[in-house]
Amino acid sequence: MKLRNDSVFVGELTTIGRRTGLPRTVELRMVYLDGRFYAASSSIQRKHWCRNMLKNPTVEVKAGDDRFPCQARQVADEKLRLRVLNLRDSPPLLERAVFEMTPREPS
């Protein structure tokens, strides 16, 4: 998949289960922006993928046939959070939490 800046796509996010330690994959609508991936959630406490990322920020994003090992974090910068939500939804769902997944450099 050819990722374009400011694009929205459906991809897969694989986290590590916070209790089991096993890989857990969920399909999400994501935003690709400035070399990073973003996903949003209406509830951190009700979404296992959010809670898993907070416990273990090592994740993998799959976009088409490409896989990207990433480090995840919750976005605290309000300007960035709003930019992602405006790209993701029309009209934007502004109450959502946003997570950023930054691809790791190959070792």
N, C-alpha and C. Protein backbone atom coordinates (compact mmCIF):
# COMPACT_ATOMS: atom_id res chain seq x y z
N MET A 1 0.86 -1.17 0.00
CA MET A 1 0.00 0.00 0.00
C MET A 1 0.90 1.23 0.00
N LYS A 2 0.64 2.15 -0.89
CA LYS A 2 1.38 3.40 -0.95
C LYS A 2 0.71 4.39 -0.01
N LEU A 3 1.39 4.72 1.08
CA LEU A 3 0.84 5.64 2.07
C LEU A 3 1.12 7.08 1.65
N ARG A 4 0.08 7.89 1.67
CA ARG A 4 0.21 9.31 1.37
C ARG A 4 -0.01 10.10 2.64
N ASN A 5 0.72 11.19 2.78
CA ASN A 5 0.56 12.05 3.95
C ASN A 5 -0.89 12.54 4.03
N ASP A 6 -1.42 12.61 5.23
CA ASP A 6 -2.80 13.03 5.50
C ASP A 6 -3.84 12.01 5.02
N SER A 7 -3.44 10.76 4.76
CA SER A 7 -4.40 9.78 4.27
C SER A 7 -5.05 9.02 5.42
N VAL A 8 -6.26 8.54 5.16
CA VAL A 8 -7.02 7.72 6.11
C VAL A 8 -7.18 6.34 5.46
N PHE A 9 -6.93 5.29 6.22
CA PHE A 9 -7.03 3.94 5.69
C PHE A 9 -7.45 2.99 6.81
N VAL A 10 -7.89 1.81 6.43
CA VAL A 10 -8.20 0.76 7.40
C VAL A 10 -6.99 -0.16 7.45
N GLY A 11 -6.43 -0.30 8.64
CA GLY A 11 -5.26 -1.15 8.83
C GLY A 11 -5.45 -2.03 10.05
N GLU A 12 -4.42 -2.79 10.34
CA GLU A 12 -4.45 -3.67 11.51
C GLU A 12 -3.42 -3.20 12.53
N LEU A 13 -3.82 -3.20 13.77
CA LEU A 13 -2.94 -2.87 14.88
C LEU A 13 -2.78 -4.13 15.73
N THR A 14 -1.54 -4.54 15.95
CA THR A 14 -1.27 -5.69 16.81
C THR A 14 -0.59 -5.18 18.08
N THR A 15 -1.21 -5.47 19.20
CA THR A 15 -0.68 -5.11 20.51
C THR A 15 -0.32 -6.40 21.24
N ILE A 16 0.31 -6.26 22.38
CA ILE A 16 0.59 -7.41 23.26
C ILE A 16 -0.42 -7.37 24.41
N GLY A 17 -1.14 -8.45 24.58
CA GLY A 17 -2.14 -8.52 25.65
C GLY A 17 -1.54 -8.22 27.01
N ARG A 18 -2.17 -7.32 27.73
CA ARG A 18 -1.61 -6.88 29.02
C ARG A 18 -1.66 -7.98 30.07
N ARG A 19 -2.56 -8.94 29.94
CA ARG A 19 -2.63 -10.05 30.90
C ARG A 19 -1.98 -11.32 30.36
N THR A 20 -2.21 -11.60 29.07
CA THR A 20 -1.75 -12.86 28.51
C THR A 20 -0.34 -12.79 27.93
N GLY A 21 0.07 -11.60 27.50
CA GLY A 21 1.36 -11.47 26.83
C GLY A 21 1.33 -11.95 25.39
N LEU A 22 0.13 -12.29 24.90
CA LEU A 22 -0.03 -12.79 23.53
C LEU A 22 -0.38 -11.66 22.57
N PRO A 23 -0.02 -11.80 21.28
CA PRO A 23 -0.38 -10.78 20.30
C PRO A 23 -1.89 -10.70 20.12
N ARG A 24 -2.39 -9.48 20.04
CA ARG A 24 -3.82 -9.22 19.83
C ARG A 24 -3.95 -8.24 18.67
N THR A 25 -4.75 -8.59 17.67
CA THR A 25 -4.88 -7.76 16.47
C THR A 25 -6.30 -7.24 16.34
N VAL A 26 -6.41 -5.97 15.98
CA VAL A 26 -7.70 -5.32 15.77
C VAL A 26 -7.62 -4.49 14.49
N GLU A 27 -8.70 -4.46 13.75
CA GLU A 27 -8.78 -3.64 12.54
C GLU A 27 -9.30 -2.26 12.92
N LEU A 28 -8.59 -1.22 12.50
CA LEU A 28 -8.95 0.15 12.87
C LEU A 28 -8.84 1.10 11.68
N ARG A 29 -9.62 2.15 11.72
CA ARG A 29 -9.41 3.26 10.78
C ARG A 29 -8.25 4.08 11.33
N MET A 30 -7.25 4.30 10.49
CA MET A 30 -6.04 5.00 10.91
C MET A 30 -5.77 6.19 10.01
N VAL A 31 -4.96 7.09 10.53
CA VAL A 31 -4.48 8.24 9.78
C VAL A 31 -2.97 8.10 9.66
N TYR A 32 -2.45 8.38 8.45
CA TYR A 32 -1.00 8.42 8.24
C TYR A 32 -0.63 9.89 8.07
N LEU A 33 0.22 10.39 8.95
CA LEU A 33 0.55 11.81 8.97
C LEU A 33 2.01 11.99 9.36
N ASP A 34 2.77 12.63 8.50
CA ASP A 34 4.18 12.95 8.77
C ASP A 34 4.99 11.75 9.22
N GLY A 35 4.77 10.59 8.56
CA GLY A 35 5.56 9.40 8.84
C GLY A 35 5.12 8.59 10.05
N ARG A 36 3.99 8.96 10.64
CA ARG A 36 3.48 8.25 11.82
C ARG A 36 2.04 7.82 11.58
N PHE A 37 1.62 6.84 12.35
CA PHE A 37 0.25 6.33 12.28
C PHE A 37 -0.52 6.81 13.50
N TYR A 38 -1.82 7.06 13.31
CA TYR A 38 -2.66 7.52 14.40
C TYR A 38 -3.97 6.73 14.40
N ALA A 39 -4.45 6.41 15.60
CA ALA A 39 -5.75 5.76 15.78
C ALA A 39 -6.46 6.47 16.92
N ALA A 40 -7.78 6.47 16.86
CA ALA A 40 -8.58 7.17 17.87
C ALA A 40 -9.57 6.22 18.52
N SER A 41 -9.91 6.53 19.76
CA SER A 41 -10.85 5.70 20.51
C SER A 41 -11.79 6.58 21.32
N SER A 42 -13.03 6.15 21.38
CA SER A 42 -14.02 6.88 22.18
C SER A 42 -13.88 6.59 23.66
N SER A 43 -13.23 5.46 24.00
CA SER A 43 -13.08 5.10 25.41
C SER A 43 -11.83 4.27 25.61
N ILE A 44 -10.88 4.81 26.32
CA ILE A 44 -9.65 4.07 26.61
C ILE A 44 -9.95 2.90 27.54
N GLN A 45 -10.80 3.11 28.53
CA GLN A 45 -11.06 2.07 29.52
C GLN A 45 -11.83 0.88 28.96
N ARG A 46 -12.63 1.09 27.91
CA ARG A 46 -13.42 -0.02 27.35
C ARG A 46 -12.74 -0.71 26.17
N LYS A 47 -11.67 -0.16 25.68
CA LYS A 47 -11.00 -0.73 24.50
C LYS A 47 -9.73 -1.45 24.93
N HIS A 48 -9.71 -2.76 24.69
CA HIS A 48 -8.54 -3.56 25.08
C HIS A 48 -7.28 -3.10 24.36
N TRP A 49 -7.40 -2.72 23.08
CA TRP A 49 -6.20 -2.30 22.34
C TRP A 49 -5.57 -1.07 22.97
N CYS A 50 -6.38 -0.15 23.48
CA CYS A 50 -5.85 1.05 24.14
C CYS A 50 -5.14 0.66 25.43
N ARG A 51 -5.78 -0.14 26.25
CA ARG A 51 -5.20 -0.54 27.52
C ARG A 51 -3.93 -1.37 27.31
N ASN A 52 -3.92 -2.21 26.26
CA ASN A 52 -2.72 -2.99 25.95
C ASN A 52 -1.56 -2.08 25.58
N MET A 53 -1.81 -1.04 24.76
CA MET A 53 -0.75 -0.12 24.35
C MET A 53 -0.20 0.68 25.51
N LEU A 54 -1.07 1.05 26.43
CA LEU A 54 -0.60 1.80 27.60
C LEU A 54 0.32 0.94 28.47
N LYS A 55 0.02 -0.36 28.54
CA LYS A 55 0.84 -1.27 29.34
C LYS A 55 2.14 -1.64 28.61
N ASN A 56 2.04 -1.87 27.28
CA ASN A 56 3.21 -2.24 26.48
C ASN A 56 3.14 -1.48 25.16
N PRO A 57 3.91 -0.40 25.01
CA PRO A 57 3.82 0.45 23.82
C PRO A 57 4.47 -0.12 22.56
N THR A 58 5.03 -1.32 22.62
CA THR A 58 5.60 -1.95 21.43
C THR A 58 4.45 -2.59 20.64
N VAL A 59 4.19 -2.07 19.44
CA VAL A 59 3.06 -2.51 18.63
C VAL A 59 3.52 -2.71 17.19
N GLU A 60 2.61 -3.25 16.36
CA GLU A 60 2.86 -3.36 14.93
C GLU A 60 1.64 -2.85 14.18
N VAL A 61 1.88 -2.06 13.14
CA VAL A 61 0.81 -1.57 12.27
C VAL A 61 0.97 -2.27 10.92
N LYS A 62 -0.15 -2.79 10.40
CA LYS A 62 -0.16 -3.39 9.07
C LYS A 62 -1.00 -2.51 8.17
N ALA A 63 -0.37 -2.03 7.08
CA ALA A 63 -1.05 -1.21 6.09
C ALA A 63 -0.90 -1.92 4.75
N GLY A 64 -1.98 -2.50 4.26
CA GLY A 64 -1.89 -3.32 3.06
C GLY A 64 -1.04 -4.53 3.36
N ASP A 65 0.01 -4.75 2.54
CA ASP A 65 0.91 -5.88 2.77
C ASP A 65 2.13 -5.50 3.60
N ASP A 66 2.24 -4.22 3.95
CA ASP A 66 3.41 -3.74 4.69
C ASP A 66 3.16 -3.76 6.19
N ARG A 67 4.20 -4.15 6.94
CA ARG A 67 4.15 -4.20 8.39
C ARG A 67 5.18 -3.24 8.96
N PHE A 68 4.79 -2.50 9.99
CA PHE A 68 5.65 -1.49 10.59
C PHE A 68 5.74 -1.71 12.09
N PRO A 69 6.89 -2.16 12.61
CA PRO A 69 7.06 -2.20 14.07
C PRO A 69 7.10 -0.77 14.59
N CYS A 70 6.34 -0.49 15.64
CA CYS A 70 6.19 0.88 16.12
C CYS A 70 6.25 0.96 17.65
N GLN A 71 6.46 2.18 18.12
CA GLN A 71 6.31 2.53 19.53
C GLN A 71 5.07 3.43 19.62
N ALA A 72 4.19 3.13 20.56
CA ALA A 72 2.94 3.86 20.69
C ALA A 72 2.96 4.77 21.91
N ARG A 73 2.18 5.84 21.81
CA ARG A 73 1.97 6.74 22.94
C ARG A 73 0.64 7.45 22.74
N GLN A 74 0.04 7.86 23.84
CA GLN A 74 -1.18 8.66 23.75
C GLN A 74 -0.78 10.09 23.44
N VAL A 75 -1.49 10.71 22.52
CA VAL A 75 -1.20 12.08 22.12
C VAL A 75 -1.72 13.05 23.18
N ALA A 76 -0.81 13.86 23.71
CA ALA A 76 -1.18 14.86 24.72
C ALA A 76 -1.32 16.25 24.09
N ASP A 77 -0.64 16.47 22.96
CA ASP A 77 -0.68 17.77 22.29
C ASP A 77 -2.06 17.99 21.66
N GLU A 78 -2.79 18.97 22.16
CA GLU A 78 -4.17 19.19 21.74
C GLU A 78 -4.26 19.57 20.26
N LYS A 79 -3.33 20.35 19.76
CA LYS A 79 -3.35 20.76 18.36
C LYS A 79 -3.20 19.54 17.44
N LEU A 80 -2.27 18.64 17.77
CA LEU A 80 -2.08 17.43 16.99
C LEU A 80 -3.30 16.52 17.10
N ARG A 81 -3.83 16.36 18.30
CA ARG A 81 -5.03 15.52 18.49
C ARG A 81 -6.17 16.00 17.60
N LEU A 82 -6.42 17.30 17.60
CA LEU A 82 -7.51 17.85 16.79
C LEU A 82 -7.23 17.71 15.29
N ARG A 83 -5.97 17.85 14.88
CA ARG A 83 -5.62 17.69 13.47
C ARG A 83 -5.94 16.27 13.01
N VAL A 84 -5.54 15.29 13.81
CA VAL A 84 -5.80 13.89 13.46
C VAL A 84 -7.31 13.63 13.39
N LEU A 85 -8.05 14.09 14.38
CA LEU A 85 -9.49 13.85 14.40
C LEU A 85 -10.20 14.53 13.24
N ASN A 86 -9.74 15.70 12.83
CA ASN A 86 -10.33 16.38 11.67
C ASN A 86 -10.04 15.64 10.38
N LEU A 87 -8.88 15.00 10.27
CA LEU A 87 -8.58 14.20 9.09
C LEU A 87 -9.38 12.90 9.09
N ARG A 88 -9.56 12.33 10.27
CA ARG A 88 -10.18 11.00 10.41
C ARG A 88 -11.67 10.99 10.13
N ASP A 89 -12.39 11.98 10.63
CA ASP A 89 -13.86 11.97 10.56
C ASP A 89 -14.40 13.30 10.07
N SER A 90 -15.51 13.23 9.39
CA SER A 90 -16.22 14.44 8.97
C SER A 90 -17.70 14.24 9.27
N PRO A 91 -18.25 14.97 10.23
CA PRO A 91 -17.58 15.93 11.11
C PRO A 91 -16.70 15.20 12.12
N PRO A 92 -15.68 15.90 12.63
CA PRO A 92 -14.76 15.26 13.58
C PRO A 92 -15.44 14.90 14.89
N LEU A 93 -15.06 13.76 15.44
CA LEU A 93 -15.57 13.31 16.75
C LEU A 93 -14.54 13.75 17.78
N LEU A 94 -14.70 14.95 18.31
CA LEU A 94 -13.66 15.63 19.07
C LEU A 94 -13.43 15.10 20.48
N GLU A 95 -14.32 14.24 20.97
CA GLU A 95 -14.12 13.72 22.34
C GLU A 95 -13.18 12.51 22.38
N ARG A 96 -12.72 12.05 21.25
CA ARG A 96 -11.90 10.84 21.18
C ARG A 96 -10.46 11.08 21.66
N ALA A 97 -9.90 10.03 22.25
CA ALA A 97 -8.47 9.99 22.57
C ALA A 97 -7.73 9.55 21.31
N VAL A 98 -6.52 10.05 21.13
CA VAL A 98 -5.72 9.71 19.95
C VAL A 98 -4.41 9.08 20.39
N PHE A 99 -4.01 8.03 19.69
CA PHE A 99 -2.74 7.36 19.93
C PHE A 99 -1.87 7.48 18.69
N GLU A 100 -0.58 7.71 18.93
CA GLU A 100 0.40 7.83 17.85
C GLU A 100 1.29 6.61 17.86
N MET A 101 1.52 6.03 16.69
CA MET A 101 2.41 4.89 16.53
C MET A 101 3.57 5.33 15.63
N THR A 102 4.76 5.40 16.18
CA THR A 102 5.94 5.85 15.45
C THR A 102 6.76 4.64 15.01
N PRO A 103 6.96 4.47 13.69
CA PRO A 103 7.77 3.35 13.22
C PRO A 103 9.18 3.40 13.82
N ARG A 104 9.66 2.23 14.21
CA ARG A 104 11.02 2.12 14.76
C ARG A 104 12.01 1.91 13.64
N GLU A 105 13.20 2.42 13.84
CA GLU A 105 14.28 2.23 12.87
C GLU A 105 14.70 0.76 12.89
N PRO A 106 14.99 0.18 11.70
CA PRO A 106 15.47 -1.20 11.70
C PRO A 106 16.78 -1.32 12.45
N SER A 107 16.95 -2.41 13.19
CA SER A 107 18.18 -2.59 13.97
C SER A 107 19.25 -3.31 13.19
